[in-house]
Amino acid sequence: MPNRQVIGLRKPPTPTRKRGRERREKMIKAAYDLLCIQEIEEISFRDIAARADVPEGSAYHFFANRFDVFTALAASLSEDFIAAHRKPVPASKRRTWQDLAAHLVDVGAAVYQSSPPARQLLIGSKTPPEIKLADRVNDEAVGRVMYDVFSSYFDIQKTEEMQRAFFFFIELTDLFFSLSIIEHQKIAPAMIDEAKRAGIAYLATYID
C-alpha cells in the first residue's frame, strides 16, 4: 500500500529514553481516559498533560498539540480492532463468505461498543477532519487483516485490488456506525444489520 502523508500533522520522534516513552504512553492513556468522560472538543492539550501528570512544557517534547495525541491514540485503538479480528472465527460464522463478512461487522461493532473513546474519536461527528484522515491509514492496516482472515477460509482473488476492497468495506460499514451514533447516540442493532447489508452487497461485486 502506498504511504500517505497527512498535511498539518507533525509526527514527533518516538522518545528513546525509558522515562520519555513512559510519559508519552501516559499522555495517550490520559487522552483515552478523558474521552471516556468528556467531549473531544472540550479537551485541551493542557488537560491531557495534567491528567497524565506531565508538565505541559515537557509534554511538547512528545506531541505538538492535542491533535497529535489523539492521532496517536487512534493508532493505538486500531490495534484493538486488529487483535479482535485476528481471533479464531467459530465454524458457525464461516459457513459462507457472507457469514464471515457479517461476523467481521459484528466484531468491529463490539470493539466500538466496548470503547467510548473509539466511538467518539473514530466515528464521532465532532472529530477534527485531520484526525479522521490520519485514521484512514489505520483502517488500511485493519483491512489487510480482514483480507488475510477471508483468504484463509475462502478462495478469493490474491490481488491488491481485492485487498483494497476490504479497506472500503471498513469505510462503508463505519459510515453506518457513525450515522447510528448521530441518530441514536449508540450503535443500534438495526444499524449493525444495515452495515452488514451494505458491506456484503459491496463485497459481492468482488467475490463470486
N, C-alpha and C. Protein backbone atom coordinates (compact mmCIF):
# COMPACT_ATOMS: atom_id res chain seq x y z
N MET A 1 0.83 -1.20 0.00
CA MET A 1 0.00 0.00 0.00
C MET A 1 0.87 1.25 0.00
N PRO A 2 0.50 2.27 -0.72
CA PRO A 2 1.30 3.49 -0.73
C PRO A 2 1.22 4.21 0.60
N ASN A 3 2.31 4.79 1.04
CA ASN A 3 2.31 5.57 2.26
C ASN A 3 1.59 6.88 2.01
N ARG A 4 0.89 7.36 3.05
CA ARG A 4 0.17 8.61 2.91
C ARG A 4 0.68 9.59 3.93
N GLN A 5 0.86 10.83 3.53
CA GLN A 5 1.26 11.88 4.44
C GLN A 5 0.06 12.74 4.74
N VAL A 6 -0.11 13.06 6.01
CA VAL A 6 -1.24 13.88 6.43
C VAL A 6 -0.76 15.31 6.62
N ILE A 7 -1.30 16.21 5.84
CA ILE A 7 -0.89 17.60 5.90
C ILE A 7 -1.38 18.22 7.20
N GLY A 8 -0.48 18.95 7.85
CA GLY A 8 -0.88 19.68 9.05
C GLY A 8 -0.57 18.94 10.33
N LEU A 9 -0.16 17.68 10.25
CA LEU A 9 0.17 16.94 11.45
C LEU A 9 1.65 16.62 11.45
N ARG A 10 2.35 17.01 12.48
CA ARG A 10 3.76 16.69 12.60
C ARG A 10 3.91 15.43 13.42
N LYS A 11 4.69 14.50 12.95
CA LYS A 11 4.92 13.27 13.69
C LYS A 11 6.17 13.43 14.54
N PRO A 12 5.98 13.59 15.86
CA PRO A 12 7.15 13.79 16.71
C PRO A 12 7.97 12.51 16.78
N PRO A 13 9.29 12.64 16.98
CA PRO A 13 10.11 11.44 17.10
C PRO A 13 9.74 10.65 18.34
N THR A 14 9.77 9.34 18.24
CA THR A 14 9.49 8.49 19.39
C THR A 14 10.63 8.62 20.39
N PRO A 15 10.32 8.95 21.65
CA PRO A 15 11.39 9.10 22.63
C PRO A 15 12.17 7.81 22.79
N THR A 16 13.49 7.95 22.95
CA THR A 16 14.31 6.76 23.10
C THR A 16 14.55 6.40 24.55
N ARG A 17 14.48 7.37 25.42
CA ARG A 17 14.69 7.10 26.83
C ARG A 17 13.44 6.51 27.45
N LYS A 18 13.66 5.63 28.41
CA LYS A 18 12.54 4.94 29.04
C LYS A 18 11.55 5.91 29.65
N ARG A 19 12.03 6.91 30.37
CA ARG A 19 11.12 7.87 31.00
C ARG A 19 10.32 8.62 29.96
N GLY A 20 10.96 8.98 28.87
CA GLY A 20 10.25 9.67 27.80
C GLY A 20 9.16 8.81 27.19
N ARG A 21 9.48 7.53 26.95
CA ARG A 21 8.48 6.62 26.39
C ARG A 21 7.31 6.46 27.36
N GLU A 22 7.63 6.38 28.64
CA GLU A 22 6.57 6.21 29.64
C GLU A 22 5.67 7.44 29.69
N ARG A 23 6.26 8.62 29.60
CA ARG A 23 5.46 9.84 29.62
C ARG A 23 4.57 9.93 28.38
N ARG A 24 5.12 9.55 27.25
CA ARG A 24 4.34 9.58 26.02
C ARG A 24 3.13 8.65 26.13
N GLU A 25 3.35 7.44 26.65
CA GLU A 25 2.24 6.49 26.81
C GLU A 25 1.24 6.99 27.84
N LYS A 26 1.72 7.66 28.89
CA LYS A 26 0.81 8.21 29.90
C LYS A 26 -0.09 9.27 29.28
N MET A 27 0.43 10.05 28.35
CA MET A 27 -0.40 11.06 27.71
C MET A 27 -1.45 10.43 26.80
N ILE A 28 -1.09 9.38 26.10
CA ILE A 28 -2.07 8.67 25.27
C ILE A 28 -3.16 8.07 26.15
N LYS A 29 -2.74 7.47 27.26
CA LYS A 29 -3.72 6.89 28.20
C LYS A 29 -4.60 7.98 28.79
N ALA A 30 -4.01 9.14 29.09
CA ALA A 30 -4.80 10.25 29.63
C ALA A 30 -5.85 10.71 28.62
N ALA A 31 -5.47 10.79 27.35
CA ALA A 31 -6.44 11.17 26.32
C ALA A 31 -7.58 10.17 26.27
N TYR A 32 -7.24 8.88 26.38
CA TYR A 32 -8.28 7.83 26.39
C TYR A 32 -9.23 8.05 27.57
N ASP A 33 -8.66 8.26 28.76
CA ASP A 33 -9.48 8.43 29.95
C ASP A 33 -10.39 9.65 29.85
N LEU A 34 -9.85 10.74 29.32
CA LEU A 34 -10.65 11.96 29.19
C LEU A 34 -11.78 11.78 28.19
N LEU A 35 -11.54 11.03 27.12
CA LEU A 35 -12.60 10.80 26.13
C LEU A 35 -13.71 9.92 26.69
N CYS A 36 -13.44 9.25 27.79
CA CYS A 36 -14.49 8.45 28.44
C CYS A 36 -15.50 9.33 29.18
N ILE A 37 -15.08 10.55 29.52
CA ILE A 37 -15.92 11.40 30.37
C ILE A 37 -16.21 12.78 29.79
N GLN A 38 -15.51 13.13 28.70
CA GLN A 38 -15.71 14.45 28.10
C GLN A 38 -15.84 14.35 26.59
N GLU A 39 -16.41 15.42 26.01
CA GLU A 39 -16.47 15.54 24.56
C GLU A 39 -15.10 15.97 24.05
N ILE A 40 -14.76 15.52 22.85
CA ILE A 40 -13.42 15.76 22.32
C ILE A 40 -13.10 17.25 22.21
N GLU A 41 -14.10 18.07 21.86
CA GLU A 41 -13.82 19.49 21.68
C GLU A 41 -13.59 20.20 23.03
N GLU A 42 -13.93 19.54 24.13
CA GLU A 42 -13.75 20.13 25.46
C GLU A 42 -12.35 19.85 26.03
N ILE A 43 -11.61 18.98 25.39
CA ILE A 43 -10.32 18.52 25.93
C ILE A 43 -9.18 19.32 25.30
N SER A 44 -8.39 19.95 26.14
CA SER A 44 -7.24 20.72 25.67
C SER A 44 -5.95 19.93 25.87
N PHE A 45 -4.90 20.41 25.25
CA PHE A 45 -3.58 19.80 25.45
C PHE A 45 -3.18 19.89 26.92
N ARG A 46 -3.50 21.01 27.54
CA ARG A 46 -3.19 21.19 28.97
C ARG A 46 -3.93 20.16 29.81
N ASP A 47 -5.19 19.89 29.47
CA ASP A 47 -5.97 18.88 30.20
C ASP A 47 -5.30 17.50 30.12
N ILE A 48 -4.83 17.17 28.92
CA ILE A 48 -4.20 15.86 28.72
C ILE A 48 -2.91 15.76 29.53
N ALA A 49 -2.11 16.81 29.48
CA ALA A 49 -0.85 16.81 30.22
C ALA A 49 -1.10 16.72 31.72
N ALA A 50 -2.10 17.46 32.19
CA ALA A 50 -2.42 17.44 33.62
C ALA A 50 -2.91 16.06 34.05
N ARG A 51 -3.76 15.47 33.25
CA ARG A 51 -4.28 14.13 33.56
C ARG A 51 -3.14 13.10 33.60
N ALA A 52 -2.17 13.29 32.73
CA ALA A 52 -1.03 12.37 32.67
C ALA A 52 0.03 12.68 33.72
N ASP A 53 -0.16 13.80 34.42
CA ASP A 53 0.83 14.26 35.41
C ASP A 53 2.18 14.51 34.75
N VAL A 54 2.12 15.13 33.57
CA VAL A 54 3.31 15.50 32.83
C VAL A 54 3.31 17.03 32.70
N PRO A 55 4.38 17.73 33.11
CA PRO A 55 4.41 19.19 32.95
C PRO A 55 4.13 19.58 31.50
N GLU A 56 3.31 20.59 31.33
CA GLU A 56 2.91 20.96 29.98
C GLU A 56 4.11 21.28 29.09
N GLY A 57 5.11 21.95 29.66
CA GLY A 57 6.29 22.26 28.88
C GLY A 57 7.01 21.02 28.40
N SER A 58 7.06 20.00 29.26
CA SER A 58 7.70 18.74 28.88
C SER A 58 6.85 17.97 27.87
N ALA A 59 5.54 18.13 27.98
CA ALA A 59 4.63 17.39 27.09
C ALA A 59 4.87 17.72 25.63
N TYR A 60 5.32 18.95 25.36
CA TYR A 60 5.56 19.35 23.98
C TYR A 60 6.77 18.65 23.37
N HIS A 61 7.55 17.97 24.18
CA HIS A 61 8.65 17.17 23.64
C HIS A 61 8.12 15.92 22.93
N PHE A 62 6.89 15.52 23.30
CA PHE A 62 6.33 14.27 22.78
C PHE A 62 5.22 14.49 21.75
N PHE A 63 4.50 15.58 21.89
CA PHE A 63 3.39 15.88 20.98
C PHE A 63 3.34 17.38 20.71
N ALA A 64 3.04 17.73 19.47
CA ALA A 64 2.98 19.14 19.11
C ALA A 64 1.72 19.82 19.63
N ASN A 65 0.63 19.06 19.72
CA ASN A 65 -0.66 19.61 20.14
C ASN A 65 -1.60 18.46 20.47
N ARG A 66 -2.81 18.79 20.83
CA ARG A 66 -3.76 17.74 21.22
C ARG A 66 -4.12 16.84 20.04
N PHE A 67 -4.07 17.38 18.82
CA PHE A 67 -4.39 16.56 17.66
C PHE A 67 -3.36 15.44 17.48
N ASP A 68 -2.11 15.74 17.79
CA ASP A 68 -1.07 14.71 17.72
C ASP A 68 -1.35 13.60 18.73
N VAL A 69 -1.81 13.99 19.93
CA VAL A 69 -2.11 12.97 20.95
C VAL A 69 -3.28 12.10 20.49
N PHE A 70 -4.32 12.73 19.98
CA PHE A 70 -5.48 11.97 19.53
C PHE A 70 -5.14 11.08 18.34
N THR A 71 -4.26 11.54 17.47
CA THR A 71 -3.84 10.72 16.33
C THR A 71 -3.09 9.49 16.82
N ALA A 72 -2.22 9.67 17.81
CA ALA A 72 -1.50 8.54 18.39
C ALA A 72 -2.47 7.58 19.07
N LEU A 73 -3.47 8.12 19.74
CA LEU A 73 -4.48 7.28 20.38
C LEU A 73 -5.27 6.49 19.33
N ALA A 74 -5.61 7.13 18.22
CA ALA A 74 -6.33 6.43 17.15
C ALA A 74 -5.54 5.25 16.64
N ALA A 75 -4.22 5.43 16.49
CA ALA A 75 -3.37 4.33 16.04
C ALA A 75 -3.37 3.20 17.07
N SER A 76 -3.36 3.57 18.35
CA SER A 76 -3.41 2.57 19.41
C SER A 76 -4.73 1.81 19.40
N LEU A 77 -5.81 2.53 19.18
CA LEU A 77 -7.13 1.90 19.13
C LEU A 77 -7.25 0.94 17.95
N SER A 78 -6.59 1.26 16.85
CA SER A 78 -6.64 0.37 15.68
C SER A 78 -6.05 -0.99 16.01
N GLU A 79 -5.10 -1.02 16.95
CA GLU A 79 -4.53 -2.30 17.38
C GLU A 79 -5.57 -3.17 18.07
N ASP A 80 -6.54 -2.53 18.73
CA ASP A 80 -7.63 -3.30 19.36
C ASP A 80 -8.48 -3.98 18.29
N PHE A 81 -8.74 -3.25 17.19
CA PHE A 81 -9.51 -3.84 16.09
C PHE A 81 -8.73 -4.98 15.44
N ILE A 82 -7.44 -4.78 15.24
CA ILE A 82 -6.62 -5.82 14.63
C ILE A 82 -6.61 -7.07 15.50
N ALA A 83 -6.42 -6.89 16.81
CA ALA A 83 -6.39 -8.04 17.72
C ALA A 83 -7.73 -8.78 17.71
N ALA A 84 -8.82 -8.02 17.69
CA ALA A 84 -10.15 -8.65 17.69
C ALA A 84 -10.39 -9.45 16.42
N HIS A 85 -9.96 -8.92 15.28
CA HIS A 85 -10.19 -9.60 14.01
C HIS A 85 -9.26 -10.80 13.82
N ARG A 86 -8.19 -10.85 14.58
CA ARG A 86 -7.27 -11.98 14.45
C ARG A 86 -7.68 -13.19 15.30
N LYS A 87 -8.69 -13.01 16.12
CA LYS A 87 -9.14 -14.13 16.95
C LYS A 87 -9.77 -15.20 16.07
N PRO A 88 -9.66 -16.46 16.47
CA PRO A 88 -10.26 -17.55 15.68
C PRO A 88 -11.75 -17.32 15.43
N VAL A 89 -12.18 -17.65 14.23
CA VAL A 89 -13.58 -17.46 13.85
C VAL A 89 -14.33 -18.77 14.06
N PRO A 90 -15.42 -18.77 14.85
CA PRO A 90 -16.20 -20.00 15.05
C PRO A 90 -16.68 -20.57 13.72
N ALA A 91 -16.77 -21.90 13.64
CA ALA A 91 -17.18 -22.55 12.39
C ALA A 91 -18.55 -22.06 11.92
N SER A 92 -19.43 -21.76 12.87
CA SER A 92 -20.78 -21.32 12.51
C SER A 92 -20.79 -19.94 11.86
N LYS A 93 -19.68 -19.19 12.02
CA LYS A 93 -19.60 -17.84 11.47
C LYS A 93 -18.87 -17.80 10.13
N ARG A 94 -18.50 -18.97 9.60
CA ARG A 94 -17.77 -19.00 8.32
C ARG A 94 -18.26 -20.11 7.40
N ARG A 95 -19.53 -20.41 7.51
CA ARG A 95 -20.09 -21.42 6.60
C ARG A 95 -20.14 -20.91 5.17
N THR A 96 -20.39 -19.62 5.03
CA THR A 96 -20.34 -18.95 3.73
C THR A 96 -19.53 -17.67 3.90
N TRP A 97 -19.09 -17.10 2.76
CA TRP A 97 -18.33 -15.86 2.90
C TRP A 97 -19.20 -14.73 3.43
N GLN A 98 -20.51 -14.82 3.14
CA GLN A 98 -21.42 -13.80 3.67
C GLN A 98 -21.50 -13.88 5.19
N ASP A 99 -21.49 -15.12 5.73
CA ASP A 99 -21.49 -15.29 7.18
C ASP A 99 -20.23 -14.66 7.79
N LEU A 100 -19.11 -14.87 7.13
CA LEU A 100 -17.85 -14.33 7.64
C LEU A 100 -17.85 -12.81 7.57
N ALA A 101 -18.36 -12.25 6.48
CA ALA A 101 -18.44 -10.79 6.37
C ALA A 101 -19.31 -10.20 7.48
N ALA A 102 -20.44 -10.85 7.74
CA ALA A 102 -21.33 -10.38 8.81
C ALA A 102 -20.63 -10.48 10.17
N HIS A 103 -19.86 -11.54 10.35
CA HIS A 103 -19.11 -11.71 11.60
C HIS A 103 -18.10 -10.58 11.78
N LEU A 104 -17.41 -10.19 10.72
CA LEU A 104 -16.43 -9.12 10.81
C LEU A 104 -17.09 -7.80 11.20
N VAL A 105 -18.29 -7.58 10.70
CA VAL A 105 -19.03 -6.38 11.10
C VAL A 105 -19.36 -6.44 12.59
N ASP A 106 -19.80 -7.60 13.04
CA ASP A 106 -20.12 -7.77 14.47
C ASP A 106 -18.89 -7.54 15.35
N VAL A 107 -17.75 -8.03 14.88
CA VAL A 107 -16.51 -7.85 15.65
C VAL A 107 -16.18 -6.37 15.78
N GLY A 108 -16.25 -5.64 14.68
CA GLY A 108 -15.98 -4.21 14.73
C GLY A 108 -16.95 -3.47 15.62
N ALA A 109 -18.23 -3.81 15.52
CA ALA A 109 -19.25 -3.17 16.35
C ALA A 109 -18.99 -3.43 17.83
N ALA A 110 -18.55 -4.65 18.16
CA ALA A 110 -18.29 -5.00 19.56
C ALA A 110 -17.14 -4.18 20.13
N VAL A 111 -16.10 -3.94 19.32
CA VAL A 111 -14.98 -3.12 19.79
C VAL A 111 -15.46 -1.69 20.05
N TYR A 112 -16.23 -1.16 19.13
CA TYR A 112 -16.76 0.19 19.33
C TYR A 112 -17.64 0.26 20.58
N GLN A 113 -18.49 -0.74 20.76
CA GLN A 113 -19.41 -0.72 21.89
C GLN A 113 -18.68 -0.80 23.23
N SER A 114 -17.52 -1.43 23.23
CA SER A 114 -16.76 -1.57 24.48
C SER A 114 -15.85 -0.39 24.76
N SER A 115 -15.74 0.54 23.82
CA SER A 115 -14.78 1.64 23.96
C SER A 115 -15.39 2.98 23.60
N PRO A 116 -15.86 3.75 24.60
CA PRO A 116 -16.37 5.09 24.30
C PRO A 116 -15.37 5.97 23.55
N PRO A 117 -14.07 5.93 23.89
CA PRO A 117 -13.13 6.74 23.12
C PRO A 117 -13.06 6.35 21.65
N ALA A 118 -13.15 5.06 21.35
CA ALA A 118 -13.14 4.63 19.95
C ALA A 118 -14.36 5.18 19.22
N ARG A 119 -15.51 5.12 19.85
CA ARG A 119 -16.72 5.66 19.21
C ARG A 119 -16.57 7.15 18.96
N GLN A 120 -16.09 7.86 19.97
CA GLN A 120 -16.01 9.31 19.84
C GLN A 120 -14.91 9.73 18.86
N LEU A 121 -13.76 9.08 18.93
CA LEU A 121 -12.62 9.52 18.15
C LEU A 121 -12.67 9.03 16.71
N LEU A 122 -13.15 7.81 16.48
CA LEU A 122 -13.08 7.21 15.14
C LEU A 122 -14.35 7.36 14.32
N ILE A 123 -15.51 7.39 14.96
CA ILE A 123 -16.75 7.51 14.19
C ILE A 123 -17.65 8.63 14.70
N GLY A 124 -17.15 9.42 15.62
CA GLY A 124 -17.94 10.53 16.14
C GLY A 124 -18.00 11.69 15.15
N SER A 125 -19.04 12.47 15.25
CA SER A 125 -19.25 13.58 14.30
C SER A 125 -18.40 14.80 14.63
N LYS A 126 -17.80 14.84 15.83
CA LYS A 126 -17.06 16.03 16.25
C LYS A 126 -15.55 15.88 16.11
N THR A 127 -15.11 14.74 15.61
CA THR A 127 -13.67 14.52 15.45
C THR A 127 -13.13 15.42 14.35
N PRO A 128 -12.05 16.15 14.61
CA PRO A 128 -11.47 17.02 13.57
C PRO A 128 -11.08 16.21 12.33
N PRO A 129 -11.27 16.77 11.14
CA PRO A 129 -11.03 16.02 9.90
C PRO A 129 -9.61 15.53 9.74
N GLU A 130 -8.61 16.26 10.29
CA GLU A 130 -7.24 15.82 10.13
C GLU A 130 -6.97 14.51 10.88
N ILE A 131 -7.69 14.31 11.99
CA ILE A 131 -7.53 13.05 12.73
C ILE A 131 -8.20 11.92 11.96
N LYS A 132 -9.38 12.18 11.41
CA LYS A 132 -10.07 11.14 10.63
C LYS A 132 -9.26 10.77 9.40
N LEU A 133 -8.63 11.76 8.79
CA LEU A 133 -7.81 11.48 7.62
C LEU A 133 -6.62 10.60 8.00
N ALA A 134 -5.98 10.92 9.13
CA ALA A 134 -4.86 10.10 9.59
C ALA A 134 -5.30 8.68 9.90
N ASP A 135 -6.52 8.54 10.40
CA ASP A 135 -7.02 7.22 10.77
C ASP A 135 -7.29 6.34 9.56
N ARG A 136 -7.40 6.92 8.37
CA ARG A 136 -7.59 6.09 7.18
C ARG A 136 -6.41 5.14 7.00
N VAL A 137 -5.21 5.58 7.37
CA VAL A 137 -4.04 4.71 7.28
C VAL A 137 -4.21 3.52 8.22
N ASN A 138 -4.76 3.78 9.41
CA ASN A 138 -5.02 2.69 10.36
C ASN A 138 -6.05 1.71 9.80
N ASP A 139 -7.08 2.26 9.14
CA ASP A 139 -8.11 1.40 8.55
C ASP A 139 -7.53 0.51 7.46
N GLU A 140 -6.53 1.01 6.74
CA GLU A 140 -5.90 0.18 5.73
C GLU A 140 -5.22 -1.04 6.37
N ALA A 141 -4.62 -0.83 7.54
CA ALA A 141 -3.98 -1.93 8.25
C ALA A 141 -5.01 -2.95 8.72
N VAL A 142 -6.14 -2.47 9.23
CA VAL A 142 -7.21 -3.37 9.67
C VAL A 142 -7.77 -4.12 8.46
N GLY A 143 -7.91 -3.41 7.34
CA GLY A 143 -8.41 -4.04 6.12
C GLY A 143 -7.52 -5.18 5.65
N ARG A 144 -6.21 -5.01 5.79
CA ARG A 144 -5.28 -6.08 5.40
C ARG A 144 -5.48 -7.32 6.27
N VAL A 145 -5.76 -7.09 7.55
CA VAL A 145 -6.02 -8.22 8.45
C VAL A 145 -7.31 -8.93 8.03
N MET A 146 -8.34 -8.16 7.71
CA MET A 146 -9.60 -8.76 7.24
C MET A 146 -9.37 -9.58 5.98
N TYR A 147 -8.58 -9.04 5.08
CA TYR A 147 -8.26 -9.75 3.84
C TYR A 147 -7.58 -11.08 4.15
N ASP A 148 -6.64 -11.06 5.08
CA ASP A 148 -5.94 -12.29 5.46
C ASP A 148 -6.90 -13.31 6.07
N VAL A 149 -7.82 -12.82 6.91
CA VAL A 149 -8.81 -13.72 7.52
C VAL A 149 -9.67 -14.35 6.43
N PHE A 150 -10.16 -13.52 5.53
CA PHE A 150 -11.02 -14.02 4.46
C PHE A 150 -10.29 -15.04 3.59
N SER A 151 -9.08 -14.71 3.19
CA SER A 151 -8.34 -15.58 2.29
C SER A 151 -7.92 -16.89 2.96
N SER A 152 -7.92 -16.92 4.29
CA SER A 152 -7.59 -18.16 4.98
C SER A 152 -8.75 -19.15 4.98
N TYR A 153 -9.95 -18.67 4.73
CA TYR A 153 -11.13 -19.53 4.73
C TYR A 153 -11.76 -19.71 3.34
N PHE A 154 -11.58 -18.73 2.48
CA PHE A 154 -12.23 -18.78 1.17
C PHE A 154 -11.24 -18.46 0.06
N ASP A 155 -11.51 -18.99 -1.11
CA ASP A 155 -10.65 -18.78 -2.27
C ASP A 155 -11.05 -17.47 -2.93
N ILE A 156 -10.37 -16.40 -2.57
CA ILE A 156 -10.66 -15.09 -3.14
C ILE A 156 -9.44 -14.62 -3.94
N GLN A 157 -9.65 -13.58 -4.72
CA GLN A 157 -8.58 -13.06 -5.55
C GLN A 157 -7.39 -12.63 -4.69
N LYS A 158 -6.21 -13.00 -5.11
CA LYS A 158 -4.98 -12.59 -4.41
C LYS A 158 -4.41 -11.37 -5.14
N THR A 159 -5.14 -10.27 -5.08
CA THR A 159 -4.73 -9.06 -5.78
C THR A 159 -4.77 -7.87 -4.84
N GLU A 160 -4.03 -6.83 -5.20
CA GLU A 160 -4.05 -5.60 -4.41
C GLU A 160 -5.44 -4.98 -4.43
N GLU A 161 -6.13 -5.10 -5.57
CA GLU A 161 -7.49 -4.56 -5.67
C GLU A 161 -8.43 -5.24 -4.69
N MET A 162 -8.29 -6.57 -4.55
CA MET A 162 -9.14 -7.30 -3.61
C MET A 162 -8.81 -6.89 -2.18
N GLN A 163 -7.55 -6.74 -1.89
CA GLN A 163 -7.14 -6.31 -0.55
C GLN A 163 -7.68 -4.92 -0.25
N ARG A 164 -7.61 -4.06 -1.25
CA ARG A 164 -8.12 -2.70 -1.09
C ARG A 164 -9.63 -2.69 -0.83
N ALA A 165 -10.32 -3.68 -1.36
CA ALA A 165 -11.78 -3.76 -1.19
C ALA A 165 -12.16 -3.86 0.29
N PHE A 166 -11.31 -4.50 1.08
CA PHE A 166 -11.63 -4.63 2.49
C PHE A 166 -11.45 -3.32 3.24
N PHE A 167 -10.56 -2.46 2.75
CA PHE A 167 -10.47 -1.11 3.30
C PHE A 167 -11.78 -0.36 3.05
N PHE A 168 -12.29 -0.45 1.83
CA PHE A 168 -13.56 0.21 1.52
C PHE A 168 -14.72 -0.43 2.29
N PHE A 169 -14.63 -1.73 2.53
CA PHE A 169 -15.63 -2.42 3.34
C PHE A 169 -15.70 -1.78 4.74
N ILE A 170 -14.54 -1.51 5.31
CA ILE A 170 -14.49 -0.87 6.63
C ILE A 170 -15.09 0.53 6.57
N GLU A 171 -14.69 1.30 5.57
CA GLU A 171 -15.20 2.67 5.46
C GLU A 171 -16.72 2.68 5.31
N LEU A 172 -17.23 1.74 4.55
CA LEU A 172 -18.67 1.67 4.31
C LEU A 172 -19.42 1.30 5.58
N THR A 173 -18.96 0.27 6.27
CA THR A 173 -19.67 -0.14 7.49
C THR A 173 -19.52 0.89 8.60
N ASP A 174 -18.35 1.54 8.66
CA ASP A 174 -18.17 2.60 9.66
C ASP A 174 -19.12 3.77 9.43
N LEU A 175 -19.49 4.00 8.18
CA LEU A 175 -20.44 5.06 7.88
C LEU A 175 -21.77 4.80 8.58
N PHE A 176 -22.23 3.56 8.55
CA PHE A 176 -23.49 3.22 9.22
C PHE A 176 -23.35 3.33 10.73
N PHE A 177 -22.19 2.94 11.26
CA PHE A 177 -21.96 3.09 12.69
C PHE A 177 -21.98 4.57 13.08
N SER A 178 -21.36 5.40 12.26
CA SER A 178 -21.32 6.83 12.53
C SER A 178 -22.73 7.43 12.49
N LEU A 179 -23.52 7.03 11.50
CA LEU A 179 -24.90 7.52 11.42
C LEU A 179 -25.71 7.08 12.64
N SER A 180 -25.42 5.88 13.13
CA SER A 180 -26.12 5.39 14.31
C SER A 180 -25.78 6.21 15.54
N ILE A 181 -24.50 6.61 15.66
CA ILE A 181 -24.09 7.45 16.79
C ILE A 181 -24.82 8.79 16.71
N ILE A 182 -24.92 9.35 15.52
CA ILE A 182 -25.60 10.63 15.35
C ILE A 182 -27.09 10.53 15.69
N GLU A 183 -27.73 9.46 15.23
CA GLU A 183 -29.18 9.32 15.38
C GLU A 183 -29.60 8.74 16.73
N HIS A 184 -28.78 7.82 17.26
CA HIS A 184 -29.20 7.08 18.46
C HIS A 184 -28.23 7.22 19.64
N GLN A 185 -27.10 7.92 19.44
CA GLN A 185 -26.07 8.06 20.47
C GLN A 185 -25.48 6.70 20.88
N LYS A 186 -25.65 5.72 20.02
CA LYS A 186 -25.07 4.39 20.25
C LYS A 186 -25.12 3.64 18.93
N ILE A 187 -24.45 2.48 18.89
CA ILE A 187 -24.53 1.64 17.70
C ILE A 187 -25.73 0.71 17.88
N ALA A 188 -26.82 1.06 17.24
CA ALA A 188 -28.06 0.31 17.39
C ALA A 188 -28.02 -0.98 16.59
N PRO A 189 -28.65 -2.06 17.11
CA PRO A 189 -28.67 -3.34 16.39
C PRO A 189 -29.18 -3.21 14.95
N ALA A 190 -30.19 -2.39 14.74
CA ALA A 190 -30.75 -2.23 13.40
C ALA A 190 -29.71 -1.64 12.45
N MET A 191 -28.85 -0.75 12.96
CA MET A 191 -27.83 -0.15 12.11
C MET A 191 -26.67 -1.11 11.86
N ILE A 192 -26.44 -2.02 12.78
CA ILE A 192 -25.45 -3.08 12.53
C ILE A 192 -25.94 -3.94 11.37
N ASP A 193 -27.23 -4.25 11.38
CA ASP A 193 -27.81 -5.04 10.27
C ASP A 193 -27.68 -4.31 8.95
N GLU A 194 -27.90 -2.99 8.98
CA GLU A 194 -27.77 -2.20 7.74
C GLU A 194 -26.32 -2.20 7.27
N ALA A 195 -25.39 -2.11 8.21
CA ALA A 195 -23.97 -2.15 7.85
C ALA A 195 -23.63 -3.49 7.19
N LYS A 196 -24.19 -4.57 7.69
CA LYS A 196 -23.94 -5.89 7.11
C LYS A 196 -24.49 -5.95 5.69
N ARG A 197 -25.69 -5.46 5.49
CA ARG A 197 -26.30 -5.49 4.15
C ARG A 197 -25.42 -4.72 3.16
N ALA A 198 -25.02 -3.54 3.56
CA ALA A 198 -24.21 -2.70 2.66
C ALA A 198 -22.85 -3.33 2.41
N GLY A 199 -22.21 -3.82 3.45
CA GLY A 199 -20.88 -4.41 3.31
C GLY A 199 -20.88 -5.67 2.46
N ILE A 200 -21.85 -6.53 2.70
CA ILE A 200 -21.95 -7.77 1.92
C ILE A 200 -22.26 -7.48 0.46
N ALA A 201 -23.16 -6.53 0.22
CA ALA A 201 -23.51 -6.17 -1.15
C ALA A 201 -22.28 -5.63 -1.88
N TYR A 202 -21.47 -4.86 -1.19
CA TYR A 202 -20.26 -4.31 -1.79
C TYR A 202 -19.25 -5.43 -2.11
N LEU A 203 -18.98 -6.31 -1.14
CA LEU A 203 -18.03 -7.38 -1.36
C LEU A 203 -18.48 -8.34 -2.45
N ALA A 204 -19.80 -8.45 -2.64
CA ALA A 204 -20.33 -9.33 -3.69
C ALA A 204 -19.90 -8.89 -5.07
N THR A 205 -19.51 -7.64 -5.22
CA THR A 205 -19.02 -7.19 -6.53
C THR A 205 -17.61 -7.67 -6.80
N TYR A 206 -16.95 -8.22 -5.77
CA TYR A 206 -15.59 -8.73 -5.91
C TYR A 206 -15.50 -10.25 -5.74
N ILE A 207 -16.42 -10.81 -4.95
CA ILE A 207 -16.35 -12.23 -4.63
C ILE A 207 -17.46 -12.97 -5.35
N ASP A 208 -17.10 -14.03 -6.05
CA ASP A 208 -18.10 -14.82 -6.77
C ASP A 208 -18.92 -15.66 -5.81
